Amino acid sequence: MFYLYIFVGGGLGSLLRYIITKISDQTLLVNFPTGTFISNMLACLMLAILVVYFSAKSIHYSWIEPLLIIGFCGGFSTFSTFSNENFKLFDEGYIILPIVNMLISVTVGFLLIYFIRSKS
């Protein structure tokens, strides 16, 4: 059952990431991977909230970690897409933009998790 939870959560997270990326690409019209950034930051935020919330609970939910933390957050965020989009920007002649994206994404993602987890 553990693997099924990961499978379902990962699929749902990947689907939501795809939808956010498509909506972002169609509405924002910027040459920046905004959809991936939004998905990765929301996944960091959600992961931190889930870890804090369920670690404070006295009951153990055996399905939460595989479904939401490993599966959904893992499928919702993506390092491979993040890396590929940065390479595409670099390949298109942008030098500063991929560096800015990497710095902002890693810093904001870390800070989201840090501030939420340190408050618990």
C-alpha atoms as a PDB file:
ATOM      1  CA  MET A   1       0.000   0.000   0.000  1.00  0.00           C
ATOM      2  CA  PHE A   2       2.958   2.308   0.730  1.00  0.00           C
ATOM      3  CA  TYR A   3       4.020   2.277  -2.941  1.00  0.00           C
ATOM      4  CA  LEU A   4       0.480   2.860  -4.144  1.00  0.00           C
ATOM      5  CA  TYR A   5       0.242   6.008  -2.012  1.00  0.00           C
ATOM      6  CA  ILE A   6       3.517   7.288  -3.494  1.00  0.00           C
ATOM      7  CA  PHE A   7       2.306   6.464  -7.002  1.00  0.00           C
ATOM      8  CA  VAL A   8      -1.037   8.261  -6.592  1.00  0.00           C
ATOM      9  CA  GLY A   9       0.454  11.278  -4.792  1.00  0.00           C
ATOM     10  CA  GLY A  10       3.262  11.614  -7.342  1.00  0.00           C
ATOM     11  CA  GLY A  11       0.834  11.460 -10.243  1.00  0.00           C
ATOM     12  CA  LEU A  12      -1.446  14.105  -8.735  1.00  0.00           C
ATOM     13  CA  GLY A  13       1.506  16.358  -7.904  1.00  0.00           C
ATOM     14  CA  SER A  14       2.931  16.024 -11.427  1.00  0.00           C
ATOM     15  CA  LEU A  15      -0.435  16.776 -12.979  1.00  0.00           C
ATOM     16  CA  LEU A  16      -0.893  19.897 -10.858  1.00  0.00           C
ATOM     17  CA  ARG A  17       2.646  21.056 -11.712  1.00  0.00           C
ATOM     18  CA  TYR A  18       1.890  20.628 -15.417  1.00  0.00           C
ATOM     19  CA  ILE A  19      -1.359  22.601 -15.110  1.00  0.00           C
ATOM     20  CA  ILE A  20       0.320  25.438 -13.191  1.00  0.00           C
ATOM     21  CA  THR A  21       3.112  25.601 -15.777  1.00  0.00           C
ATOM     22  CA  LYS A  22       0.663  25.726 -18.704  1.00  0.00           C
ATOM     23  CA  ILE A  23      -1.474  28.421 -17.057  1.00  0.00           C
ATOM     24  CA  SER A  24       1.630  30.412 -16.122  1.00  0.00           C
ATOM     25  CA  ASP A  25       3.068  30.181 -19.652  1.00  0.00           C
ATOM     26  CA  GLN A  26      -0.223  31.293 -21.214  1.00  0.00           C
ATOM     27  CA  THR A  27      -0.954  34.163 -18.856  1.00  0.00           C
ATOM     28  CA  LEU A  28       2.375  35.651 -17.817  1.00  0.00           C
ATOM     29  CA  LEU A  29       4.166  35.592 -21.181  1.00  0.00           C
ATOM     30  CA  VAL A  30       7.612  36.111 -19.675  1.00  0.00           C
ATOM     31  CA  ASN A  31      10.831  34.398 -20.637  1.00  0.00           C
ATOM     32  CA  PHE A  32      11.224  32.918 -17.165  1.00  0.00           C
ATOM     33  CA  PRO A  33      10.159  29.462 -15.920  1.00  0.00           C
ATOM     34  CA  THR A  34       7.535  30.907 -13.586  1.00  0.00           C
ATOM     35  CA  GLY A  35       5.358  27.776 -13.472  1.00  0.00           C
ATOM     36  CA  THR A  36       8.196  25.589 -12.240  1.00  0.00           C
ATOM     37  CA  PHE A  37       9.225  28.248  -9.732  1.00  0.00           C
ATOM     38  CA  ILE A  38       5.655  28.496  -8.390  1.00  0.00           C
ATOM     39  CA  SER A  39       5.294  24.711  -8.188  1.00  0.00           C
ATOM     40  CA  ASN A  40       8.644  24.239  -6.466  1.00  0.00           C
ATOM     41  CA  MET A  41       7.946  26.968  -3.906  1.00  0.00           C
ATOM     42  CA  LEU A  42       4.423  25.697  -3.188  1.00  0.00           C
ATOM     43  CA  ALA A  43       5.830  22.177  -2.787  1.00  0.00           C
ATOM     44  CA  CYS A  44       8.440  23.456  -0.298  1.00  0.00           C
ATOM     45  CA  LEU A  45       5.771  25.335   1.607  1.00  0.00           C
ATOM     46  CA  MET A  46       3.391  22.379   1.652  1.00  0.00           C
ATOM     47  CA  LEU A  47       6.121  19.924   2.678  1.00  0.00           C
ATOM     48  CA  ALA A  48       7.204  22.107   5.589  1.00  0.00           C
ATOM     49  CA  ILE A  49       3.620  22.635   6.765  1.00  0.00           C
ATOM     50  CA  LEU A  50       2.854  18.903   6.561  1.00  0.00           C
ATOM     51  CA  VAL A  51       6.020  17.924   8.425  1.00  0.00           C
ATOM     52  CA  VAL A  52       5.378  20.453  11.186  1.00  0.00           C
ATOM     53  CA  TYR A  53       1.669  19.685  11.456  1.00  0.00           C
ATOM     54  CA  PHE A  54       1.939  15.914  11.555  1.00  0.00           C
ATOM     55  CA  SER A  55       5.035  15.780  13.744  1.00  0.00           C
ATOM     56  CA  ALA A  56       3.026  17.711  16.370  1.00  0.00           C
ATOM     57  CA  LYS A  57       0.181  15.157  16.239  1.00  0.00           C
ATOM     58  CA  SER A  58       0.214  12.350  18.760  1.00  0.00           C
ATOM     59  CA  ILE A  59      -1.321   9.912  16.271  1.00  0.00           C
ATOM     60  CA  HIS A  60       0.699   8.526  13.388  1.00  0.00           C
ATOM     61  CA  TYR A  61      -0.897   8.660   9.948  1.00  0.00           C
ATOM     62  CA  SER A  62       0.899   5.959   7.974  1.00  0.00           C
ATOM     63  CA  TRP A  63      -0.493   7.194   4.648  1.00  0.00           C
ATOM     64  CA  ILE A  64       0.475  10.878   4.979  1.00  0.00           C
ATOM     65  CA  GLU A  65       4.186  10.544   4.329  1.00  0.00           C
ATOM     66  CA  PRO A  66       3.993   8.319   1.236  1.00  0.00           C
ATOM     67  CA  LEU A  67       0.948  10.058  -0.281  1.00  0.00           C
ATOM     68  CA  LEU A  68       1.596  13.728   0.423  1.00  0.00           C
ATOM     69  CA  ILE A  69       5.198  14.244   1.510  1.00  0.00           C
ATOM     70  CA  ILE A  70       7.009  11.739  -0.723  1.00  0.00           C
ATOM     71  CA  GLY A  71       4.485  11.377  -3.546  1.00  0.00           C
ATOM     72  CA  PHE A  72       2.627  14.653  -3.979  1.00  0.00           C
ATOM     73  CA  CYS A  73       5.417  17.056  -2.971  1.00  0.00           C
ATOM     74  CA  GLY A  74       7.951  14.982  -4.912  1.00  0.00           C
ATOM     75  CA  GLY A  75       5.810  15.020  -8.055  1.00  0.00           C
ATOM     76  CA  PHE A  76       4.762  18.635  -7.609  1.00  0.00           C
ATOM     77  CA  SER A  77       8.335  19.903  -7.376  1.00  0.00           C
ATOM     78  CA  THR A  78      10.934  18.948  -9.896  1.00  0.00           C
ATOM     79  CA  PHE A  79      14.647  19.378 -10.015  1.00  0.00           C
ATOM     80  CA  SER A  80      14.971  17.895 -13.499  1.00  0.00           C
ATOM     81  CA  THR A  81      12.576  20.421 -15.065  1.00  0.00           C
ATOM     82  CA  PHE A  82      14.213  23.203 -13.058  1.00  0.00           C
ATOM     83  CA  SER A  83      17.634  22.197 -14.399  1.00  0.00           C
ATOM     84  CA  ASN A  84      16.403  21.745 -17.977  1.00  0.00           C
ATOM     85  CA  GLU A  85      14.686  25.138 -18.035  1.00  0.00           C
ATOM     86  CA  ASN A  86      17.841  26.810 -16.737  1.00  0.00           C
ATOM     87  CA  PHE A  87      19.885  25.063 -19.415  1.00  0.00           C
ATOM     88  CA  LYS A  88      17.412  26.178 -22.113  1.00  0.00           C
ATOM     89  CA  LEU A  89      17.708  29.780 -20.938  1.00  0.00           C
ATOM     90  CA  PHE A  90      21.498  29.490 -21.018  1.00  0.00           C
ATOM     91  CA  ASP A  91      21.395  27.824 -24.448  1.00  0.00           C
ATOM     92  CA  GLU A  92      19.219  30.688 -25.764  1.00  0.00           C
ATOM     93  CA  GLY A  93      21.935  33.155 -24.809  1.00  0.00           C
ATOM     94  CA  TYR A  94      20.686  34.250 -21.401  1.00  0.00           C
ATOM     95  CA  ILE A  95      23.458  34.192 -18.850  1.00  0.00           C
ATOM     96  CA  ILE A  96      22.123  36.148 -15.889  1.00  0.00           C
ATOM     97  CA  LEU A  97      18.514  34.840 -15.997  1.00  0.00           C
ATOM     98  CA  PRO A  98      19.299  31.178 -15.226  1.00  0.00           C
ATOM     99  CA  ILE A  99      21.702  32.219 -12.464  1.00  0.00           C
ATOM    100  CA  VAL A 100      19.040  34.475 -10.943  1.00  0.00           C
ATOM    101  CA  ASN A 101      16.468  31.677 -11.205  1.00  0.00           C
ATOM    102  CA  MET A 102      18.787  29.213  -9.462  1.00  0.00           C
ATOM    103  CA  LEU A 103      19.668  31.635  -6.678  1.00  0.00           C
ATOM    104  CA  ILE A 104      16.092  32.764  -6.081  1.00  0.00           C
ATOM    105  CA  SER A 105      14.602  29.267  -6.254  1.00  0.00           C
ATOM    106  CA  VAL A 106      17.086  27.646  -3.906  1.00  0.00           C
ATOM    107  CA  THR A 107      17.095  30.568  -1.472  1.00  0.00           C
ATOM    108  CA  VAL A 108      13.309  31.030  -1.309  1.00  0.00           C
ATOM    109  CA  GLY A 109      12.697  27.263  -1.122  1.00  0.00           C
ATOM    110  CA  PHE A 110      15.174  26.909   1.730  1.00  0.00           C
ATOM    111  CA  LEU A 111      13.777  29.928   3.583  1.00  0.00           C
ATOM    112  CA  LEU A 112      10.184  28.703   3.267  1.00  0.00           C
ATOM    113  CA  ILE A 113      11.105  25.408   4.878  1.00  0.00           C
ATOM    114  CA  TYR A 114      13.407  27.060   7.426  1.00  0.00           C
ATOM    115  CA  PHE A 115      10.870  29.586   8.686  1.00  0.00           C
ATOM    116  CA  ILE A 116       8.007  27.123   8.931  1.00  0.00           C
ATOM    117  CA  ARG A 117      10.039  24.358  10.560  1.00  0.00           C
ATOM    118  CA  SER A 118      11.854  26.697  12.957  1.00  0.00           C
ATOM    119  CA  LYS A 119       8.536  28.056  14.243  1.00  0.00           C
ATOM    120  CA  SER A 120       7.452  24.610  15.437  1.00  0.00           C
END
